[in-house]
Amino acid sequence: MKTSKVVWIGFLYLAGLGLSACAGEGRMGLGASTPTPYPPPNYSHRVATSHVVLYYNCETPSPGGVHLDGLAFNPWSSQPVTELEFELVGVDARDRSVSEARTEARDLQLFTSQSTPFQLDLKTAGNEVRFDLHYSYRFDEGDHRDFRMSKVAWQGPILLAKQTNWFFARDACSATAHLSR
């Protein structure tokens, strides 16, 4: 009697463990559609940093507007890229910004081999000579076991702030610059 009770408890434990593992897998897949191939097809422009690669297309769907549609990738970095933001700026002949549009990436974090889409719709002022794409993200390069840091003489937790990285692609919608190969 005692042995069968232990066997049943063990069986229930293993069944619960199996079900929780399946439930965990299901949660991880929520919101994730079919994986995007890398590099993605059908994008004419490409800009890359050491943590993020952007693929995008620029279109003028109507007079007085520019539409930028793209995908941001974290193709090789083991740390997640967070708070990815974009800004498309229309610049006039005197290098002054005359129009702008901003957006954030759909996903809060980009893990290794993950992508997220982004779109920018800019209403132009009419005197733009080029469009610059500014983008920023936060990345923590110090979260590694070999990372050494000086710290205060106490044993409490140390909070490391993620560094914000700022980049821009000059004349991002050019017919000759930043072309995807």
N, C-alpha and C. Protein backbone atom coordinates (compact mmCIF):
# COMPACT_ATOMS: atom_id res chain seq x y z
N MET A 1 0.83 -1.19 0.00
CA MET A 1 0.00 0.00 0.00
C MET A 1 0.87 1.25 0.00
N LYS A 2 1.90 1.26 0.86
CA LYS A 2 2.78 2.41 0.95
C LYS A 2 3.58 2.58 -0.34
N THR A 3 3.99 1.50 -0.95
CA THR A 3 4.77 1.57 -2.19
C THR A 3 3.92 2.10 -3.33
N SER A 4 2.68 1.67 -3.42
CA SER A 4 1.82 2.15 -4.51
C SER A 4 1.53 3.65 -4.34
N LYS A 5 1.44 4.12 -3.11
CA LYS A 5 1.22 5.54 -2.88
C LYS A 5 2.43 6.35 -3.35
N VAL A 6 3.62 5.89 -3.08
CA VAL A 6 4.85 6.56 -3.52
C VAL A 6 4.94 6.54 -5.04
N VAL A 7 4.54 5.42 -5.65
CA VAL A 7 4.56 5.32 -7.11
C VAL A 7 3.58 6.33 -7.72
N TRP A 8 2.37 6.43 -7.15
CA TRP A 8 1.38 7.38 -7.64
C TRP A 8 1.86 8.83 -7.48
N ILE A 9 2.47 9.14 -6.37
CA ILE A 9 2.99 10.50 -6.15
C ILE A 9 4.09 10.79 -7.16
N GLY A 10 4.95 9.81 -7.39
CA GLY A 10 6.01 9.98 -8.39
C GLY A 10 5.45 10.16 -9.78
N PHE A 11 4.42 9.35 -10.12
CA PHE A 11 3.77 9.48 -11.42
C PHE A 11 3.14 10.85 -11.60
N LEU A 12 2.41 11.32 -10.59
CA LEU A 12 1.78 12.64 -10.65
C LEU A 12 2.82 13.75 -10.76
N TYR A 13 3.92 13.61 -10.05
CA TYR A 13 5.00 14.59 -10.13
C TYR A 13 5.56 14.67 -11.55
N LEU A 14 5.84 13.50 -12.16
CA LEU A 14 6.38 13.48 -13.52
C LEU A 14 5.36 14.01 -14.53
N ALA A 15 4.08 13.65 -14.34
CA ALA A 15 3.05 14.15 -15.25
C ALA A 15 2.94 15.68 -15.15
N GLY A 16 2.98 16.21 -13.93
CA GLY A 16 2.93 17.66 -13.75
C GLY A 16 4.14 18.34 -14.35
N LEU A 17 5.29 17.73 -14.18
CA LEU A 17 6.52 18.28 -14.76
C LEU A 17 6.43 18.31 -16.29
N GLY A 18 5.92 17.23 -16.88
CA GLY A 18 5.76 17.17 -18.33
C GLY A 18 4.77 18.19 -18.84
N LEU A 19 3.65 18.34 -18.15
CA LEU A 19 2.64 19.32 -18.57
C LEU A 19 3.15 20.74 -18.44
N SER A 20 3.89 21.02 -17.38
CA SER A 20 4.42 22.38 -17.22
C SER A 20 5.47 22.68 -18.28
N ALA A 21 6.23 21.68 -18.69
CA ALA A 21 7.22 21.89 -19.76
C ALA A 21 6.51 22.19 -21.07
N CYS A 22 5.42 21.48 -21.34
CA CYS A 22 4.66 21.75 -22.57
C CYS A 22 4.02 23.13 -22.52
N ALA A 23 3.50 23.51 -21.37
CA ALA A 23 2.88 24.83 -21.23
C ALA A 23 3.93 25.91 -21.42
N GLY A 24 5.12 25.71 -20.91
CA GLY A 24 6.19 26.70 -21.08
C GLY A 24 6.56 26.86 -22.54
N GLU A 25 6.62 25.75 -23.28
CA GLU A 25 6.93 25.84 -24.70
C GLU A 25 5.86 26.60 -25.45
N GLY A 26 4.61 26.40 -25.07
CA GLY A 26 3.50 27.10 -25.73
C GLY A 26 3.56 28.59 -25.51
N ARG A 27 3.93 29.01 -24.31
CA ARG A 27 4.02 30.45 -24.04
C ARG A 27 5.15 31.09 -24.82
N MET A 28 6.24 30.38 -24.97
CA MET A 28 7.37 30.95 -25.71
C MET A 28 7.01 31.20 -27.16
N GLY A 29 6.13 30.38 -27.71
CA GLY A 29 5.80 30.51 -29.12
C GLY A 29 4.69 31.50 -29.40
N LEU A 30 4.03 32.03 -28.39
CA LEU A 30 2.94 32.95 -28.64
C LEU A 30 3.44 34.19 -29.35
N GLY A 31 2.73 34.60 -30.34
CA GLY A 31 3.08 35.81 -31.06
C GLY A 31 4.16 35.61 -32.10
N ALA A 32 4.81 34.48 -32.08
CA ALA A 32 5.88 34.23 -33.04
C ALA A 32 5.30 33.50 -34.24
N SER A 33 5.37 34.12 -35.38
CA SER A 33 4.90 33.48 -36.59
C SER A 33 6.06 32.71 -37.20
N THR A 34 5.95 32.36 -38.44
CA THR A 34 7.03 31.63 -39.08
C THR A 34 8.30 32.47 -39.04
N PRO A 35 9.43 31.83 -38.81
CA PRO A 35 10.68 32.60 -38.71
C PRO A 35 11.01 33.33 -40.01
N THR A 36 11.53 34.52 -39.87
CA THR A 36 11.95 35.31 -41.02
C THR A 36 13.33 34.87 -41.46
N PRO A 37 13.52 34.59 -42.74
CA PRO A 37 14.85 34.18 -43.19
C PRO A 37 15.85 35.33 -43.05
N TYR A 38 17.10 34.97 -42.83
CA TYR A 38 18.14 35.99 -42.71
C TYR A 38 19.17 35.77 -43.80
N PRO A 39 19.48 36.74 -44.59
CA PRO A 39 18.87 38.07 -44.70
C PRO A 39 17.50 37.97 -45.36
N PRO A 40 16.60 38.86 -44.98
CA PRO A 40 15.24 38.79 -45.52
C PRO A 40 15.21 39.23 -46.98
N PRO A 41 14.38 38.59 -47.78
CA PRO A 41 14.28 39.00 -49.19
C PRO A 41 13.42 40.25 -49.33
N ASN A 42 13.50 40.88 -50.47
CA ASN A 42 12.62 41.99 -50.87
C ASN A 42 12.85 43.29 -50.11
N TYR A 43 14.02 43.50 -49.54
CA TYR A 43 14.35 44.79 -48.94
C TYR A 43 15.52 45.38 -49.71
N SER A 44 15.41 46.64 -50.09
CA SER A 44 16.43 47.24 -50.94
C SER A 44 17.55 47.92 -50.16
N HIS A 45 17.33 48.28 -48.88
CA HIS A 45 18.34 48.98 -48.10
C HIS A 45 18.75 48.16 -46.87
N ARG A 46 20.01 48.36 -46.44
CA ARG A 46 20.54 47.65 -45.28
C ARG A 46 21.48 48.58 -44.52
N VAL A 47 21.33 48.62 -43.19
CA VAL A 47 22.22 49.37 -42.30
C VAL A 47 22.53 48.45 -41.13
N ALA A 48 23.79 48.41 -40.68
CA ALA A 48 24.15 47.48 -39.60
C ALA A 48 25.05 48.14 -38.57
N THR A 49 24.89 47.72 -37.33
CA THR A 49 25.80 48.05 -36.24
C THR A 49 26.33 46.72 -35.71
N SER A 50 27.05 46.77 -34.61
CA SER A 50 27.58 45.53 -34.06
C SER A 50 26.52 44.69 -33.36
N HIS A 51 25.31 45.22 -33.15
CA HIS A 51 24.26 44.46 -32.46
C HIS A 51 22.98 44.31 -33.26
N VAL A 52 22.70 45.23 -34.19
CA VAL A 52 21.43 45.26 -34.91
C VAL A 52 21.69 45.45 -36.40
N VAL A 53 20.90 44.76 -37.22
CA VAL A 53 20.93 44.95 -38.67
C VAL A 53 19.52 45.36 -39.09
N LEU A 54 19.42 46.46 -39.83
CA LEU A 54 18.13 46.95 -40.31
C LEU A 54 18.02 46.71 -41.81
N TYR A 55 16.92 46.14 -42.24
CA TYR A 55 16.57 46.00 -43.64
C TYR A 55 15.30 46.80 -43.85
N TYR A 56 15.25 47.63 -44.91
CA TYR A 56 14.08 48.47 -45.09
C TYR A 56 13.91 48.89 -46.54
N ASN A 57 12.70 49.35 -46.84
CA ASN A 57 12.34 49.94 -48.13
C ASN A 57 11.76 51.32 -47.87
N CYS A 58 12.08 52.27 -48.75
CA CYS A 58 11.49 53.61 -48.71
C CYS A 58 10.59 53.77 -49.93
N GLU A 59 9.41 54.30 -49.69
CA GLU A 59 8.46 54.53 -50.78
C GLU A 59 7.83 55.90 -50.61
N THR A 60 7.37 56.48 -51.71
CA THR A 60 6.57 57.70 -51.66
C THR A 60 5.19 57.36 -52.18
N PRO A 61 4.32 56.87 -51.29
CA PRO A 61 2.99 56.43 -51.74
C PRO A 61 2.12 57.56 -52.27
N SER A 62 2.38 58.76 -51.78
CA SER A 62 1.61 59.91 -52.25
C SER A 62 2.50 61.14 -52.18
N PRO A 63 2.19 62.16 -52.98
CA PRO A 63 2.97 63.39 -52.85
C PRO A 63 2.83 63.94 -51.43
N GLY A 64 3.93 64.36 -50.87
CA GLY A 64 3.89 64.90 -49.52
C GLY A 64 4.05 63.85 -48.44
N GLY A 65 4.51 62.65 -48.81
CA GLY A 65 4.69 61.62 -47.81
C GLY A 65 5.77 60.62 -48.17
N VAL A 66 6.44 60.08 -47.16
CA VAL A 66 7.43 59.02 -47.33
C VAL A 66 7.07 57.91 -46.36
N HIS A 67 7.09 56.68 -46.86
CA HIS A 67 6.79 55.51 -46.03
C HIS A 67 8.03 54.63 -45.98
N LEU A 68 8.49 54.32 -44.78
CA LEU A 68 9.63 53.42 -44.59
C LEU A 68 9.11 52.18 -43.87
N ASP A 69 9.36 51.03 -44.46
CA ASP A 69 8.89 49.75 -43.93
C ASP A 69 10.11 48.84 -43.79
N GLY A 70 10.33 48.28 -42.58
CA GLY A 70 11.54 47.48 -42.41
C GLY A 70 11.46 46.42 -41.34
N LEU A 71 12.59 45.68 -41.22
CA LEU A 71 12.79 44.66 -40.20
C LEU A 71 14.11 44.92 -39.50
N ALA A 72 14.11 44.81 -38.18
CA ALA A 72 15.33 44.93 -37.40
C ALA A 72 15.70 43.53 -36.89
N PHE A 73 16.97 43.16 -37.03
CA PHE A 73 17.46 41.85 -36.61
C PHE A 73 18.52 41.98 -35.54
N ASN A 74 18.58 41.01 -34.64
CA ASN A 74 19.71 40.79 -33.75
C ASN A 74 20.30 39.45 -34.20
N PRO A 75 21.16 39.46 -35.22
CA PRO A 75 21.58 38.19 -35.81
C PRO A 75 22.64 37.41 -35.04
N TRP A 76 23.45 38.06 -34.22
CA TRP A 76 24.56 37.32 -33.62
C TRP A 76 24.82 37.64 -32.15
N SER A 77 24.28 38.67 -31.61
CA SER A 77 24.60 39.07 -30.25
C SER A 77 23.85 38.20 -29.24
N SER A 78 24.57 37.71 -28.23
CA SER A 78 23.95 36.84 -27.23
C SER A 78 23.12 37.64 -26.22
N GLN A 79 23.38 38.92 -26.09
CA GLN A 79 22.60 39.76 -25.19
C GLN A 79 21.40 40.32 -25.93
N PRO A 80 20.27 40.49 -25.26
CA PRO A 80 19.12 41.07 -25.95
C PRO A 80 19.31 42.57 -26.19
N VAL A 81 18.79 43.02 -27.31
CA VAL A 81 18.74 44.44 -27.65
C VAL A 81 17.37 44.92 -27.19
N THR A 82 17.33 46.02 -26.44
CA THR A 82 16.05 46.49 -25.90
C THR A 82 15.80 47.93 -26.32
N GLU A 83 14.55 48.33 -26.22
CA GLU A 83 14.10 49.72 -26.44
C GLU A 83 14.58 50.28 -27.78
N LEU A 84 14.37 49.53 -28.83
CA LEU A 84 14.75 49.95 -30.17
C LEU A 84 13.77 51.00 -30.68
N GLU A 85 14.29 52.18 -31.03
CA GLU A 85 13.47 53.30 -31.49
C GLU A 85 14.02 53.83 -32.81
N PHE A 86 13.12 54.37 -33.63
CA PHE A 86 13.49 54.87 -34.95
C PHE A 86 12.93 56.28 -35.15
N GLU A 87 13.66 57.06 -35.94
CA GLU A 87 13.20 58.40 -36.31
C GLU A 87 13.67 58.68 -37.73
N LEU A 88 12.73 59.03 -38.59
CA LEU A 88 13.04 59.43 -39.96
C LEU A 88 12.93 60.94 -40.02
N VAL A 89 14.02 61.60 -40.45
CA VAL A 89 14.09 63.06 -40.43
C VAL A 89 14.30 63.57 -41.85
N GLY A 90 13.43 64.48 -42.28
CA GLY A 90 13.59 65.16 -43.56
C GLY A 90 14.50 66.36 -43.37
N VAL A 91 15.54 66.47 -44.20
CA VAL A 91 16.55 67.52 -44.07
C VAL A 91 16.53 68.39 -45.32
N ASP A 92 16.59 69.72 -45.12
CA ASP A 92 16.58 70.63 -46.27
C ASP A 92 18.01 70.89 -46.76
N ALA A 93 18.16 71.77 -47.74
CA ALA A 93 19.46 72.05 -48.36
C ALA A 93 20.45 72.69 -47.40
N ARG A 94 19.97 73.31 -46.31
CA ARG A 94 20.87 73.93 -45.33
C ARG A 94 21.11 73.01 -44.13
N ASP A 95 20.86 71.72 -44.28
CA ASP A 95 21.05 70.69 -43.24
C ASP A 95 20.21 70.94 -41.99
N ARG A 96 19.04 71.49 -42.18
CA ARG A 96 18.11 71.67 -41.06
C ARG A 96 17.00 70.64 -41.19
N SER A 97 16.59 70.08 -40.07
CA SER A 97 15.47 69.13 -40.11
C SER A 97 14.17 69.91 -40.24
N VAL A 98 13.37 69.50 -41.21
CA VAL A 98 12.12 70.20 -41.48
C VAL A 98 10.89 69.30 -41.27
N SER A 99 11.10 68.00 -41.16
CA SER A 99 10.00 67.07 -40.89
C SER A 99 10.58 65.84 -40.19
N GLU A 100 9.72 65.17 -39.42
CA GLU A 100 10.19 63.98 -38.72
C GLU A 100 9.02 63.07 -38.37
N ALA A 101 9.36 61.78 -38.24
CA ALA A 101 8.40 60.77 -37.80
C ALA A 101 9.15 59.81 -36.89
N ARG A 102 8.49 59.38 -35.81
CA ARG A 102 9.12 58.49 -34.83
C ARG A 102 8.26 57.27 -34.61
N THR A 103 8.94 56.18 -34.22
CA THR A 103 8.23 54.97 -33.83
C THR A 103 9.16 54.10 -32.98
N GLU A 104 8.57 53.11 -32.35
CA GLU A 104 9.33 52.12 -31.57
C GLU A 104 9.15 50.77 -32.22
N ALA A 105 10.10 49.88 -31.96
CA ALA A 105 9.98 48.51 -32.46
C ALA A 105 8.79 47.84 -31.78
N ARG A 106 8.18 46.92 -32.48
CA ARG A 106 7.01 46.22 -31.93
C ARG A 106 7.38 45.42 -30.69
N ASP A 107 8.53 44.74 -30.72
CA ASP A 107 8.96 43.91 -29.60
C ASP A 107 9.86 44.70 -28.68
N LEU A 108 9.69 44.52 -27.37
CA LEU A 108 10.49 45.24 -26.38
C LEU A 108 11.93 44.77 -26.39
N GLN A 109 12.16 43.47 -26.61
CA GLN A 109 13.51 42.91 -26.63
C GLN A 109 13.71 42.11 -27.91
N LEU A 110 14.92 42.19 -28.43
CA LEU A 110 15.32 41.37 -29.57
C LEU A 110 16.39 40.40 -29.09
N PHE A 111 16.06 39.13 -29.06
CA PHE A 111 17.02 38.12 -28.66
C PHE A 111 17.80 37.65 -29.89
N THR A 112 18.78 36.79 -29.70
CA THR A 112 19.60 36.29 -30.79
C THR A 112 18.74 35.67 -31.88
N SER A 113 19.00 36.02 -33.12
CA SER A 113 18.30 35.53 -34.31
C SER A 113 16.83 35.90 -34.35
N GLN A 114 16.44 36.92 -33.64
CA GLN A 114 15.05 37.37 -33.64
C GLN A 114 14.95 38.66 -34.45
N SER A 115 13.78 38.88 -35.05
CA SER A 115 13.55 40.10 -35.81
C SER A 115 12.26 40.76 -35.33
N THR A 116 12.14 42.03 -35.61
CA THR A 116 10.92 42.77 -35.30
C THR A 116 10.67 43.79 -36.41
N PRO A 117 9.42 43.96 -36.82
CA PRO A 117 9.12 44.92 -37.89
C PRO A 117 8.99 46.35 -37.35
N PHE A 118 9.17 47.30 -38.24
CA PHE A 118 8.93 48.71 -37.89
C PHE A 118 8.47 49.45 -39.14
N GLN A 119 7.70 50.52 -38.92
CA GLN A 119 7.19 51.35 -40.01
C GLN A 119 7.23 52.81 -39.60
N LEU A 120 7.58 53.65 -40.55
CA LEU A 120 7.57 55.10 -40.32
C LEU A 120 6.82 55.76 -41.47
N ASP A 121 5.89 56.63 -41.15
CA ASP A 121 5.17 57.42 -42.15
C ASP A 121 5.46 58.88 -41.88
N LEU A 122 6.16 59.51 -42.81
CA LEU A 122 6.58 60.90 -42.66
C LEU A 122 5.78 61.78 -43.59
N LYS A 123 5.20 62.83 -43.03
CA LYS A 123 4.53 63.85 -43.85
C LYS A 123 5.58 64.91 -44.16
N THR A 124 5.89 65.08 -45.42
CA THR A 124 6.98 65.98 -45.81
C THR A 124 6.52 67.43 -45.83
N ALA A 125 7.51 68.32 -45.67
CA ALA A 125 7.26 69.76 -45.73
C ALA A 125 7.37 70.28 -47.16
N GLY A 126 8.05 69.54 -48.02
CA GLY A 126 8.16 69.94 -49.42
C GLY A 126 9.54 70.40 -49.82
N ASN A 127 10.39 70.78 -48.88
CA ASN A 127 11.72 71.26 -49.24
C ASN A 127 12.83 70.31 -48.78
N GLU A 128 12.51 69.04 -48.54
CA GLU A 128 13.53 68.06 -48.14
C GLU A 128 14.41 67.68 -49.33
N VAL A 129 15.70 67.57 -49.05
CA VAL A 129 16.64 67.09 -50.08
C VAL A 129 17.12 65.68 -49.76
N ARG A 130 16.94 65.25 -48.51
CA ARG A 130 17.31 63.89 -48.13
C ARG A 130 16.55 63.50 -46.87
N PHE A 131 16.57 62.21 -46.58
CA PHE A 131 15.92 61.67 -45.38
C PHE A 131 16.94 60.85 -44.60
N ASP A 132 17.18 61.24 -43.35
CA ASP A 132 18.12 60.53 -42.49
C ASP A 132 17.35 59.64 -41.53
N LEU A 133 17.84 58.42 -41.36
CA LEU A 133 17.23 57.47 -40.43
C LEU A 133 18.07 57.41 -39.16
N HIS A 134 17.50 57.87 -38.06
CA HIS A 134 18.17 57.80 -36.75
C HIS A 134 17.56 56.62 -36.00
N TYR A 135 18.40 55.86 -35.28
CA TYR A 135 17.86 54.77 -34.47
C TYR A 135 18.71 54.60 -33.23
N SER A 136 18.07 54.14 -32.18
CA SER A 136 18.77 53.94 -30.91
C SER A 136 18.25 52.67 -30.26
N TYR A 137 19.09 52.10 -29.40
CA TYR A 137 18.70 50.92 -28.63
C TYR A 137 19.56 50.83 -27.40
N ARG A 138 19.12 50.03 -26.46
CA ARG A 138 19.88 49.81 -25.23
C ARG A 138 20.47 48.42 -25.28
N PHE A 139 21.71 48.32 -24.80
CA PHE A 139 22.43 47.06 -24.86
C PHE A 139 23.39 46.99 -23.68
N ASP A 140 23.41 45.88 -22.99
CA ASP A 140 24.29 45.69 -21.84
C ASP A 140 25.41 44.74 -22.22
N GLU A 141 26.59 45.27 -22.42
CA GLU A 141 27.73 44.44 -22.78
C GLU A 141 28.42 43.85 -21.57
N GLY A 142 28.04 44.27 -20.36
CA GLY A 142 28.75 43.83 -19.17
C GLY A 142 28.18 42.61 -18.49
N ASP A 143 27.17 41.97 -19.03
CA ASP A 143 26.54 40.83 -18.38
C ASP A 143 27.21 39.54 -18.83
N HIS A 144 28.46 39.37 -18.49
CA HIS A 144 29.22 38.18 -18.87
C HIS A 144 30.06 37.75 -17.69
N ARG A 145 30.30 36.47 -17.54
CA ARG A 145 31.01 36.00 -16.35
C ARG A 145 32.46 36.48 -16.30
N ASP A 146 33.05 36.82 -17.44
CA ASP A 146 34.42 37.31 -17.45
C ASP A 146 34.50 38.83 -17.29
N PHE A 147 33.35 39.48 -17.15
CA PHE A 147 33.31 40.93 -17.03
C PHE A 147 33.82 41.34 -15.65
N ARG A 148 34.76 42.26 -15.63
CA ARG A 148 35.32 42.77 -14.37
C ARG A 148 34.89 44.21 -14.20
N MET A 149 34.50 44.55 -12.99
CA MET A 149 34.14 45.94 -12.72
C MET A 149 34.58 46.30 -11.32
N SER A 150 34.86 47.56 -11.13
CA SER A 150 35.16 48.01 -9.78
C SER A 150 33.85 48.31 -9.09
N LYS A 151 33.75 47.97 -7.85
CA LYS A 151 32.50 48.21 -7.14
C LYS A 151 32.79 48.70 -5.74
N VAL A 152 31.78 49.24 -5.12
CA VAL A 152 31.92 49.74 -3.77
C VAL A 152 32.17 48.58 -2.81
N ALA A 153 32.70 48.91 -1.64
CA ALA A 153 33.08 47.87 -0.69
C ALA A 153 31.89 47.40 0.14
N TRP A 154 30.92 46.83 -0.50
CA TRP A 154 29.82 46.21 0.20
C TRP A 154 29.31 45.04 -0.63
N GLN A 155 28.61 44.15 -0.04
CA GLN A 155 28.23 42.91 -0.69
C GLN A 155 26.79 42.92 -1.21
N GLY A 156 26.16 44.08 -1.26
CA GLY A 156 24.79 44.16 -1.76
C GLY A 156 24.74 44.05 -3.27
N PRO A 157 23.54 44.04 -3.82
CA PRO A 157 23.42 43.94 -5.28
C PRO A 157 23.89 45.21 -5.97
N ILE A 158 24.45 45.04 -7.17
CA ILE A 158 24.93 46.16 -7.96
C ILE A 158 24.07 46.21 -9.22
N LEU A 159 23.48 47.34 -9.51
CA LEU A 159 22.64 47.51 -10.67
C LEU A 159 23.46 48.13 -11.79
N LEU A 160 23.56 47.41 -12.90
CA LEU A 160 24.30 47.92 -14.06
C LEU A 160 23.31 48.53 -15.04
N ALA A 161 23.50 49.76 -15.39
CA ALA A 161 22.61 50.43 -16.34
C ALA A 161 23.00 50.03 -17.76
N LYS A 162 22.00 49.85 -18.59
CA LYS A 162 22.27 49.53 -19.98
C LYS A 162 22.61 50.82 -20.72
N GLN A 163 23.56 50.71 -21.60
CA GLN A 163 24.01 51.87 -22.35
C GLN A 163 23.10 52.08 -23.56
N THR A 164 22.73 53.33 -23.80
CA THR A 164 21.96 53.65 -25.00
C THR A 164 22.92 53.94 -26.13
N ASN A 165 22.72 53.26 -27.25
CA ASN A 165 23.53 53.42 -28.44
C ASN A 165 22.73 54.20 -29.47
N TRP A 166 23.33 55.26 -30.04
CA TRP A 166 22.67 56.12 -31.02
C TRP A 166 23.39 56.00 -32.36
N PHE A 167 22.64 55.83 -33.44
CA PHE A 167 23.21 55.71 -34.78
C PHE A 167 22.31 56.44 -35.76
N PHE A 168 22.85 56.73 -36.94
CA PHE A 168 21.99 57.24 -37.99
C PHE A 168 22.58 56.89 -39.35
N ALA A 169 21.68 56.76 -40.31
CA ALA A 169 22.06 56.50 -41.70
C ALA A 169 21.72 57.76 -42.48
N ARG A 170 22.77 58.44 -42.97
CA ARG A 170 22.57 59.67 -43.74
C ARG A 170 22.01 59.31 -45.10
N ASP A 171 21.03 60.04 -45.55
CA ASP A 171 20.38 59.83 -46.84
C ASP A 171 19.92 58.38 -46.97
N ALA A 172 19.13 57.95 -46.00
CA ALA A 172 18.72 56.55 -45.89
C ALA A 172 17.89 56.06 -47.06
N CYS A 173 17.17 56.94 -47.71
CA CYS A 173 16.29 56.54 -48.82
C CYS A 173 16.93 56.77 -50.19
N SER A 174 18.23 56.95 -50.22
CA SER A 174 18.95 57.21 -51.46
C SER A 174 18.86 56.01 -52.40
N ALA A 175 18.90 56.28 -53.69
CA ALA A 175 18.88 55.21 -54.68
C ALA A 175 20.25 54.55 -54.83
N THR A 176 21.29 55.15 -54.23
CA THR A 176 22.64 54.60 -54.39
C THR A 176 23.31 54.23 -53.07
N ALA A 177 22.82 54.70 -51.94
CA ALA A 177 23.46 54.44 -50.64
C ALA A 177 22.69 53.40 -49.85
N HIS A 178 23.40 52.69 -48.99
CA HIS A 178 22.83 51.70 -48.05
C HIS A 178 22.06 50.59 -48.77
N LEU A 179 22.51 50.22 -49.95
CA LEU A 179 21.80 49.20 -50.69
C LEU A 179 22.08 47.82 -50.13
N SER A 180 21.06 47.01 -50.08
CA SER A 180 21.19 45.62 -49.62
C SER A 180 21.78 44.81 -50.77
N ARG A 181 22.77 44.06 -50.47
CA ARG A 181 23.44 43.29 -51.54
C ARG A 181 23.09 41.85 -51.48
